[in-house]
Amino acid sequence: VGSAEALSGLHLDAQAALAQGDLNPARQLQGKPKPFT
């Protein structure tokens, strides 16, 4: 649930790509606000 809460801040297209394993989650979260840190 913690990961899901963090990833919910991403664009829906990025979430879909992550779910399919096409993107690196750590890279997508770079530069996000501190709640995700």
PDB file of all heavy atoms in Angstrom:
ATOM      1  N   VAL A   1       0.822  -1.205   0.000  1.00  0.00           N
ATOM      2  CA  VAL A   1       0.000   0.000   0.000  1.00  0.00           C
ATOM      3  C   VAL A   1       0.856   1.254   0.000  1.00  0.00           C
ATOM      4  O   VAL A   1       0.497   2.266  -0.624  1.00  0.00           O
ATOM      5  CB  VAL A   1      -0.990  -0.022   1.186  1.00  0.00           C
ATOM      6  CG1 VAL A   1      -0.256   0.038   2.522  1.00  0.00           C
ATOM      7  CG2 VAL A   1      -1.981   1.133   1.083  1.00  0.00           C
ATOM      8  N   GLY A   2       2.019   1.220   0.654  1.00  0.00           N
ATOM      9  CA  GLY A   2       2.901   2.375   0.639  1.00  0.00           C
ATOM     10  C   GLY A   2       3.407   2.702  -0.751  1.00  0.00           C
ATOM     11  O   GLY A   2       3.453   3.861  -1.165  1.00  0.00           O
ATOM     12  N   SER A   3       3.783   1.665  -1.483  1.00  0.00           N
ATOM     13  CA  SER A   3       4.217   1.859  -2.865  1.00  0.00           C
ATOM     14  C   SER A   3       3.074   2.371  -3.728  1.00  0.00           C
ATOM     15  O   SER A   3       3.260   3.251  -4.578  1.00  0.00           O
ATOM     16  CB  SER A   3       4.743   0.540  -3.435  1.00  0.00           C
ATOM     17  OG  SER A   3       5.890   0.108  -2.747  1.00  0.00           O
ATOM     18  N   ALA A   4       1.886   1.838  -3.501  1.00  0.00           N
ATOM     19  CA  ALA A   4       0.729   2.274  -4.286  1.00  0.00           C
ATOM     20  C   ALA A   4       0.423   3.741  -4.026  1.00  0.00           C
ATOM     21  O   ALA A   4       0.097   4.497  -4.959  1.00  0.00           O
ATOM     22  CB  ALA A   4      -0.486   1.410  -3.946  1.00  0.00           C
ATOM     23  N   GLU A   5       0.513   4.160  -2.771  1.00  0.00           N
ATOM     24  CA  GLU A   5       0.269   5.563  -2.450  1.00  0.00           C
ATOM     25  C   GLU A   5       1.284   6.464  -3.148  1.00  0.00           C
ATOM     26  O   GLU A   5       0.938   7.541  -3.652  1.00  0.00           O
ATOM     27  CB  GLU A   5       0.319   5.768  -0.936  1.00  0.00           C
ATOM     28  CG  GLU A   5      -0.873   5.151  -0.206  1.00  0.00           C
ATOM     29  CD  GLU A   5      -0.668   5.097   1.292  1.00  0.00           C
ATOM     30  OE1 GLU A   5       0.463   5.378   1.752  1.00  0.00           O
ATOM     31  OE2 GLU A   5      -1.641   4.764   2.005  1.00  0.00           O
ATOM     32  N   ALA A   6       2.545   6.036  -3.174  1.00  0.00           N
ATOM     33  CA  ALA A   6       3.578   6.823  -3.840  1.00  0.00           C
ATOM     34  C   ALA A   6       3.333   6.894  -5.348  1.00  0.00           C
ATOM     35  O   ALA A   6       3.391   7.965  -5.955  1.00  0.00           O
ATOM     36  CB  ALA A   6       4.949   6.220  -3.563  1.00  0.00           C
ATOM     37  N   LEU A   7       3.043   5.765  -5.952  1.00  0.00           N
ATOM     38  CA  LEU A   7       2.871   5.706  -7.397  1.00  0.00           C
ATOM     39  C   LEU A   7       1.588   6.385  -7.870  1.00  0.00           C
ATOM     40  O   LEU A   7       1.466   6.730  -9.043  1.00  0.00           O
ATOM     41  CB  LEU A   7       2.888   4.256  -7.858  1.00  0.00           C
ATOM     42  CG  LEU A   7       4.238   3.545  -7.667  1.00  0.00           C
ATOM     43  CD1 LEU A   7       4.092   2.049  -7.870  1.00  0.00           C
ATOM     44  CD2 LEU A   7       5.286   4.125  -8.611  1.00  0.00           C
ATOM     45  N   SER A   8       0.644   6.600  -6.969  1.00  0.00           N
ATOM     46  CA  SER A   8      -0.610   7.255  -7.359  1.00  0.00           C
ATOM     47  C   SER A   8      -0.382   8.692  -7.809  1.00  0.00           C
ATOM     48  O   SER A   8      -1.244   9.280  -8.469  1.00  0.00           O
ATOM     49  CB  SER A   8      -1.604   7.229  -6.195  1.00  0.00           C
ATOM     50  OG  SER A   8      -1.155   8.057  -5.124  1.00  0.00           O
ATOM     51  N   GLY A   9       0.782   9.262  -7.447  1.00  0.00           N
ATOM     52  CA  GLY A   9       1.086  10.620  -7.873  1.00  0.00           C
ATOM     53  C   GLY A   9       1.600  10.725  -9.288  1.00  0.00           C
ATOM     54  O   GLY A   9       1.767  11.825  -9.812  1.00  0.00           O
ATOM     55  N   LEU A  10       1.851   9.592  -9.915  1.00  0.00           N
ATOM     56  CA  LEU A  10       2.343   9.601 -11.295  1.00  0.00           C
ATOM     57  C   LEU A  10       1.190   9.719 -12.288  1.00  0.00           C
ATOM     58  O   LEU A  10       0.043   9.401 -11.980  1.00  0.00           O
ATOM     59  CB  LEU A  10       3.118   8.311 -11.586  1.00  0.00           C
ATOM     60  CG  LEU A  10       4.380   8.058 -10.760  1.00  0.00           C
ATOM     61  CD1 LEU A  10       4.973   6.715 -11.146  1.00  0.00           C
ATOM     62  CD2 LEU A  10       5.388   9.181 -10.949  1.00  0.00           C
ATOM     63  N   HIS A  11       1.517  10.171 -13.503  1.00  0.00           N
ATOM     64  CA  HIS A  11       0.531  10.214 -14.572  1.00  0.00           C
ATOM     65  C   HIS A  11       0.027   8.796 -14.837  1.00  0.00           C
ATOM     66  O   HIS A  11       0.767   7.814 -14.709  1.00  0.00           O
ATOM     67  CB  HIS A  11       1.161  10.794 -15.841  1.00  0.00           C
ATOM     68  CG  HIS A  11       0.161  11.116 -16.912  1.00  0.00           C
ATOM     69  ND1 HIS A  11      -0.331  10.164 -17.776  1.00  0.00           N
ATOM     70  CD2 HIS A  11      -0.445  12.293 -17.249  1.00  0.00           C
ATOM     71  CE1 HIS A  11      -1.192  10.723 -18.607  1.00  0.00           C
ATOM     72  NE2 HIS A  11      -1.281  12.015 -18.314  1.00  0.00           N
ATOM     73  N   LEU A  12      -1.227   8.690 -15.233  1.00  0.00           N
ATOM     74  CA  LEU A  12      -1.825   7.370 -15.451  1.00  0.00           C
ATOM     75  C   LEU A  12      -1.065   6.560 -16.500  1.00  0.00           C
ATOM     76  O   LEU A  12      -0.938   5.343 -16.376  1.00  0.00           O
ATOM     77  CB  LEU A  12      -3.293   7.523 -15.865  1.00  0.00           C
ATOM     78  CG  LEU A  12      -4.253   7.995 -14.771  1.00  0.00           C
ATOM     79  CD1 LEU A  12      -5.646   8.209 -15.344  1.00  0.00           C
ATOM     80  CD2 LEU A  12      -4.301   6.982 -13.631  1.00  0.00           C
ATOM     81  N   ASP A  13      -0.565   7.231 -17.544  1.00  0.00           N
ATOM     82  CA  ASP A  13       0.193   6.509 -18.567  1.00  0.00           C
ATOM     83  C   ASP A  13       1.469   5.909 -17.980  1.00  0.00           C
ATOM     84  O   ASP A  13       1.862   4.784 -18.326  1.00  0.00           O
ATOM     85  CB  ASP A  13       0.551   7.438 -19.727  1.00  0.00           C
ATOM     86  CG  ASP A  13      -0.663   7.822 -20.555  1.00  0.00           C
ATOM     87  OD1 ASP A  13      -1.696   7.128 -20.441  1.00  0.00           O
ATOM     88  OD2 ASP A  13      -0.582   8.816 -21.303  1.00  0.00           O
ATOM     89  N   ALA A  14       2.142   6.668 -17.098  1.00  0.00           N
ATOM     90  CA  ALA A  14       3.363   6.167 -16.464  1.00  0.00           C
ATOM     91  C   ALA A  14       3.038   4.994 -15.547  1.00  0.00           C
ATOM     92  O   ALA A  14       3.784   4.010 -15.481  1.00  0.00           O
ATOM     93  CB  ALA A  14       4.053   7.279 -15.681  1.00  0.00           C
ATOM     94  N   GLN A  15       1.912   5.086 -14.825  1.00  0.00           N
ATOM     95  CA  GLN A  15       1.509   3.973 -13.968  1.00  0.00           C
ATOM     96  C   GLN A  15       1.264   2.712 -14.795  1.00  0.00           C
ATOM     97  O   GLN A  15       1.671   1.613 -14.407  1.00  0.00           O
ATOM     98  CB  GLN A  15       0.239   4.345 -13.195  1.00  0.00           C
ATOM     99  CG  GLN A  15       0.417   5.408 -12.143  1.00  0.00           C
ATOM    100  CD  GLN A  15      -0.860   5.587 -11.340  1.00  0.00           C
ATOM    101  OE1 GLN A  15      -1.525   4.620 -10.983  1.00  0.00           O
ATOM    102  NE2 GLN A  15      -1.207   6.832 -11.050  1.00  0.00           N
ATOM    103  N   ALA A  16       0.580   2.878 -15.918  1.00  0.00           N
ATOM    104  CA  ALA A  16       0.283   1.719 -16.770  1.00  0.00           C
ATOM    105  C   ALA A  16       1.564   1.087 -17.288  1.00  0.00           C
ATOM    106  O   ALA A  16       1.692  -0.144 -17.326  1.00  0.00           O
ATOM    107  CB  ALA A  16      -0.615   2.147 -17.921  1.00  0.00           C
ATOM    108  N   ALA A  17       2.537   1.934 -17.674  1.00  0.00           N
ATOM    109  CA  ALA A  17       3.806   1.416 -18.174  1.00  0.00           C
ATOM    110  C   ALA A  17       4.569   0.693 -17.072  1.00  0.00           C
ATOM    111  O   ALA A  17       5.169  -0.363 -17.303  1.00  0.00           O
ATOM    112  CB  ALA A  17       4.655   2.559 -18.741  1.00  0.00           C
ATOM    113  N   LEU A  18       4.528   1.247 -15.863  1.00  0.00           N
ATOM    114  CA  LEU A  18       5.181   0.590 -14.730  1.00  0.00           C
ATOM    115  C   LEU A  18       4.558  -0.773 -14.453  1.00  0.00           C
ATOM    116  O   LEU A  18       5.248  -1.746 -14.172  1.00  0.00           O
ATOM    117  CB  LEU A  18       5.090   1.470 -13.482  1.00  0.00           C
ATOM    118  CG  LEU A  18       6.051   2.656 -13.401  1.00  0.00           C
ATOM    119  CD1 LEU A  18       5.658   3.562 -12.240  1.00  0.00           C
ATOM    120  CD2 LEU A  18       7.480   2.164 -13.214  1.00  0.00           C
ATOM    121  N   ALA A  19       3.257  -0.820 -14.514  1.00  0.00           N
ATOM    122  CA  ALA A  19       2.568  -2.082 -14.240  1.00  0.00           C
ATOM    123  C   ALA A  19       2.948  -3.157 -15.248  1.00  0.00           C
ATOM    124  O   ALA A  19       2.965  -4.345 -14.935  1.00  0.00           O
ATOM    125  CB  ALA A  19       1.054  -1.856 -14.246  1.00  0.00           C
ATOM    126  N   GLN A  20       3.287  -2.715 -16.470  1.00  0.00           N
ATOM    127  CA  GLN A  20       3.693  -3.667 -17.508  1.00  0.00           C
ATOM    128  C   GLN A  20       5.196  -3.932 -17.472  1.00  0.00           C
ATOM    129  O   GLN A  20       5.705  -4.732 -18.247  1.00  0.00           O
ATOM    130  CB  GLN A  20       3.310  -3.107 -18.879  1.00  0.00           C
ATOM    131  CG  GLN A  20       1.806  -2.981 -19.075  1.00  0.00           C
ATOM    132  CD  GLN A  20       1.437  -2.265 -20.355  1.00  0.00           C
ATOM    133  OE1 GLN A  20       2.306  -1.936 -21.159  1.00  0.00           O
ATOM    134  NE2 GLN A  20       0.148  -2.039 -20.564  1.00  0.00           N
ATOM    135  N   GLY A  21       5.900  -3.241 -16.562  1.00  0.00           N
ATOM    136  CA  GLY A  21       7.331  -3.465 -16.429  1.00  0.00           C
ATOM    137  C   GLY A  21       8.174  -2.724 -17.431  1.00  0.00           C
ATOM    138  O   GLY A  21       9.332  -3.069 -17.658  1.00  0.00           O
ATOM    139  N   ASP A  22       7.603  -1.651 -18.043  1.00  0.00           N
ATOM    140  CA  ASP A  22       8.324  -0.942 -19.101  1.00  0.00           C
ATOM    141  C   ASP A  22       9.153   0.234 -18.589  1.00  0.00           C
ATOM    142  O   ASP A  22       9.970   0.780 -19.316  1.00  0.00           O
ATOM    143  CB  ASP A  22       7.335  -0.416 -20.149  1.00  0.00           C
ATOM    144  CG  ASP A  22       6.649  -1.556 -20.897  1.00  0.00           C
ATOM    145  OD1 ASP A  22       7.248  -2.650 -20.956  1.00  0.00           O
ATOM    146  OD2 ASP A  22       5.540  -1.349 -21.406  1.00  0.00           O
ATOM    147  N   LEU A  23       8.913   0.668 -17.338  1.00  0.00           N
ATOM    148  CA  LEU A  23       9.619   1.819 -16.798  1.00  0.00           C
ATOM    149  C   LEU A  23      10.239   1.483 -15.457  1.00  0.00           C
ATOM    150  O   LEU A  23       9.797   0.565 -14.762  1.00  0.00           O
ATOM    151  CB  LEU A  23       8.661   3.016 -16.634  1.00  0.00           C
ATOM    152  CG  LEU A  23       8.086   3.627 -17.921  1.00  0.00           C
ATOM    153  CD1 LEU A  23       7.128   4.749 -17.558  1.00  0.00           C
ATOM    154  CD2 LEU A  23       9.179   4.154 -18.834  1.00  0.00           C
ATOM    155  N   ASN A  24      11.250   2.259 -15.075  1.00  0.00           N
ATOM    156  CA  ASN A  24      11.907   2.105 -13.779  1.00  0.00           C
ATOM    157  C   ASN A  24      11.172   2.953 -12.754  1.00  0.00           C
ATOM    158  O   ASN A  24      11.100   4.173 -12.896  1.00  0.00           O
ATOM    159  CB  ASN A  24      13.370   2.555 -13.879  1.00  0.00           C
ATOM    160  CG  ASN A  24      14.124   2.304 -12.580  1.00  0.00           C
ATOM    161  OD1 ASN A  24      13.742   2.829 -11.543  1.00  0.00           O
ATOM    162  ND2 ASN A  24      15.191   1.526 -12.658  1.00  0.00           N
ATOM    163  N   PRO A  25      10.578   2.360 -11.695  1.00  0.00           N
ATOM    164  CA  PRO A  25       9.803   3.138 -10.732  1.00  0.00           C
ATOM    165  C   PRO A  25      10.621   4.186  -9.999  1.00  0.00           C
ATOM    166  O   PRO A  25      10.154   5.283  -9.750  1.00  0.00           O
ATOM    167  CB  PRO A  25       9.255   2.074  -9.767  1.00  0.00           C
ATOM    168  CG  PRO A  25      10.159   0.911  -9.931  1.00  0.00           C
ATOM    169  CD  PRO A  25      10.600   0.939 -11.354  1.00  0.00           C
ATOM    170  N   ALA A  26      11.844   3.865  -9.637  1.00  0.00           N
ATOM    171  CA  ALA A  26      12.675   4.827  -8.911  1.00  0.00           C
ATOM    172  C   ALA A  26      12.925   6.064  -9.759  1.00  0.00           C
ATOM    173  O   ALA A  26      12.891   7.191  -9.277  1.00  0.00           O
ATOM    174  CB  ALA A  26      13.996   4.174  -8.505  1.00  0.00           C
ATOM    175  N   ARG A  27      13.183   5.864 -11.082  1.00  0.00           N
ATOM    176  CA  ARG A  27      13.430   6.998 -11.975  1.00  0.00           C
ATOM    177  C   ARG A  27      12.165   7.840 -12.117  1.00  0.00           C
ATOM    178  O   ARG A  27      12.221   9.076 -12.160  1.00  0.00           O
ATOM    179  CB  ARG A  27      13.881   6.494 -13.332  1.00  0.00           C
ATOM    180  CG  ARG A  27      14.183   7.609 -14.339  1.00  0.00           C
ATOM    181  CD  ARG A  27      14.754   7.018 -15.616  1.00  0.00           C
ATOM    182  NE  ARG A  27      15.993   6.293 -15.340  1.00  0.00           N
ATOM    183  CZ  ARG A  27      16.620   5.540 -16.245  1.00  0.00           C
ATOM    184  NH1 ARG A  27      16.104   5.394 -17.457  1.00  0.00           N
ATOM    185  NH2 ARG A  27      17.741   4.912 -15.943  1.00  0.00           N
ATOM    186  N   GLN A  28      11.010   7.213 -12.200  1.00  0.00           N
ATOM    187  CA  GLN A  28       9.757   7.950 -12.353  1.00  0.00           C
ATOM    188  C   GLN A  28       9.455   8.819 -11.142  1.00  0.00           C
ATOM    189  O   GLN A  28       8.815   9.857 -11.252  1.00  0.00           O
ATOM    190  CB  GLN A  28       8.595   6.969 -12.595  1.00  0.00           C
ATOM    191  CG  GLN A  28       8.630   6.291 -13.941  1.00  0.00           C
ATOM    192  CD  GLN A  28       8.571   7.288 -15.078  1.00  0.00           C
ATOM    193  OE1 GLN A  28       7.690   8.135 -15.127  1.00  0.00           O
ATOM    194  NE2 GLN A  28       9.533   7.220 -15.989  1.00  0.00           N
ATOM    195  N   LEU A  29       9.912   8.386  -9.964  1.00  0.00           N
ATOM    196  CA  LEU A  29       9.609   9.126  -8.744  1.00  0.00           C
ATOM    197  C   LEU A  29      10.645  10.196  -8.442  1.00  0.00           C
ATOM    198  O   LEU A  29      10.494  10.941  -7.485  1.00  0.00           O
ATOM    199  CB  LEU A  29       9.498   8.157  -7.561  1.00  0.00           C
ATOM    200  CG  LEU A  29       8.282   7.228  -7.610  1.00  0.00           C
ATOM    201  CD1 LEU A  29       8.312   6.254  -6.453  1.00  0.00           C
ATOM    202  CD2 LEU A  29       6.987   8.020  -7.596  1.00  0.00           C
ATOM    203  N   GLN A  30      11.693  10.302  -9.215  1.00  0.00           N
ATOM    204  CA  GLN A  30      12.699  11.325  -8.985  1.00  0.00           C
ATOM    205  C   GLN A  30      12.080  12.704  -9.156  1.00  0.00           C
ATOM    206  O   GLN A  30      11.348  12.969 -10.098  1.00  0.00           O
ATOM    207  CB  GLN A  30      13.863  11.168  -9.975  1.00  0.00           C
ATOM    208  CG  GLN A  30      14.806  10.028  -9.613  1.00  0.00           C
ATOM    209  CD  GLN A  30      15.934   9.890 -10.623  1.00  0.00           C
ATOM    210  OE1 GLN A  30      15.961  10.607 -11.613  1.00  0.00           O
ATOM    211  NE2 GLN A  30      16.835   8.978 -10.369  1.00  0.00           N
ATOM    212  N   GLY A  31      12.376  13.582  -8.181  1.00  0.00           N
ATOM    213  CA  GLY A  31      11.869  14.936  -8.243  1.00  0.00           C
ATOM    214  C   GLY A  31      10.471  15.093  -7.727  1.00  0.00           C
ATOM    215  O   GLY A  31       9.908  16.193  -7.731  1.00  0.00           O
ATOM    216  N   LYS A  32       9.853  13.984  -7.257  1.00  0.00           N
ATOM    217  CA  LYS A  32       8.519  14.075  -6.690  1.00  0.00           C
ATOM    218  C   LYS A  32       8.593  14.721  -5.312  1.00  0.00           C
ATOM    219  O   LYS A  32       9.627  14.726  -4.658  1.00  0.00           O
ATOM    220  CB  LYS A  32       7.872  12.681  -6.582  1.00  0.00           C
ATOM    221  CG  LYS A  32       7.444  12.120  -7.934  1.00  0.00           C
ATOM    222  CD  LYS A  32       6.309  12.934  -8.507  1.00  0.00           C
ATOM    223  CE  LYS A  32       5.919  12.433  -9.883  1.00  0.00           C
ATOM    224  NZ  LYS A  32       4.834  13.231 -10.459  1.00  0.00           N
ATOM    225  N   PRO A  33       7.473  15.253  -4.777  1.00  0.00           N
ATOM    226  CA  PRO A  33       7.471  15.888  -3.464  1.00  0.00           C
ATOM    227  C   PRO A  33       7.908  14.938  -2.365  1.00  0.00           C
ATOM    228  O   PRO A  33       7.883  13.709  -2.512  1.00  0.00           O
ATOM    229  CB  PRO A  33       6.001  16.300  -3.288  1.00  0.00           C
ATOM    230  CG  PRO A  33       5.477  16.420  -4.678  1.00  0.00           C
ATOM    231  CD  PRO A  33       6.193  15.361  -5.461  1.00  0.00           C
ATOM    232  N   LYS A  34       8.264  15.490  -1.231  1.00  0.00           N
ATOM    233  CA  LYS A  34       8.807  14.725  -0.120  1.00  0.00           C
ATOM    234  C   LYS A  34       7.921  13.601   0.401  1.00  0.00           C
ATOM    235  O   LYS A  34       8.432  12.626   0.917  1.00  0.00           O
ATOM    236  CB  LYS A  34       9.164  15.669   1.030  1.00  0.00           C
ATOM    237  CG  LYS A  34      10.419  16.467   0.758  1.00  0.00           C
ATOM    238  CD  LYS A  34      10.819  17.273   1.984  1.00  0.00           C
ATOM    239  CE  LYS A  34      12.121  18.027   1.724  1.00  0.00           C
ATOM    240  NZ  LYS A  34      12.534  18.823   2.898  1.00  0.00           N
ATOM    241  N   PRO A  35       6.581  13.708   0.322  1.00  0.00           N
ATOM    242  CA  PRO A  35       5.779  12.582   0.812  1.00  0.00           C
ATOM    243  C   PRO A  35       6.162  11.247   0.217  1.00  0.00           C
ATOM    244  O   PRO A  35       5.925  10.200   0.795  1.00  0.00           O
ATOM    245  CB  PRO A  35       4.349  12.974   0.412  1.00  0.00           C
ATOM    246  CG  PRO A  35       4.365  14.460   0.423  1.00  0.00           C
ATOM    247  CD  PRO A  35       5.742  14.839  -0.070  1.00  0.00           C
ATOM    248  N   PHE A  36       6.793  11.240  -0.989  1.00  0.00           N
ATOM    249  CA  PHE A  36       7.165   9.977  -1.608  1.00  0.00           C
ATOM    250  C   PHE A  36       8.551   9.509  -1.157  1.00  0.00           C
ATOM    251  O   PHE A  36       8.939   8.380  -1.398  1.00  0.00           O
ATOM    252  CB  PHE A  36       7.177  10.119  -3.133  1.00  0.00           C
ATOM    253  CG  PHE A  36       5.860  10.520  -3.711  1.00  0.00           C
ATOM    254  CD1 PHE A  36       5.753  11.599  -4.560  1.00  0.00           C
ATOM    255  CD2 PHE A  36       4.717   9.808  -3.377  1.00  0.00           C
ATOM    256  CE1 PHE A  36       4.528  11.966  -5.088  1.00  0.00           C
ATOM    257  CE2 PHE A  36       3.493  10.176  -3.906  1.00  0.00           C
ATOM    258  CZ  PHE A  36       3.400  11.263  -4.752  1.00  0.00           C
ATOM    259  N   THR A  37       9.343  10.396  -0.525  1.00  0.00           N
ATOM    260  CA  THR A  37      10.715  10.075  -0.190  1.00  0.00           C
ATOM    261  C   THR A  37      10.793   8.921   0.785  1.00  0.00           C
ATOM    262  O   THR A  37      10.091   8.890   1.785  1.00  0.00           O
ATOM    263  CB  THR A  37      11.417  11.306   0.424  1.00  0.00           C
ATOM    264  OG1 THR A  37      11.347  12.363  -0.535  1.00  0.00           O
ATOM    265  CG2 THR A  37      12.861  11.005   0.746  1.00  0.00           C
TER     266      THR A  37
END
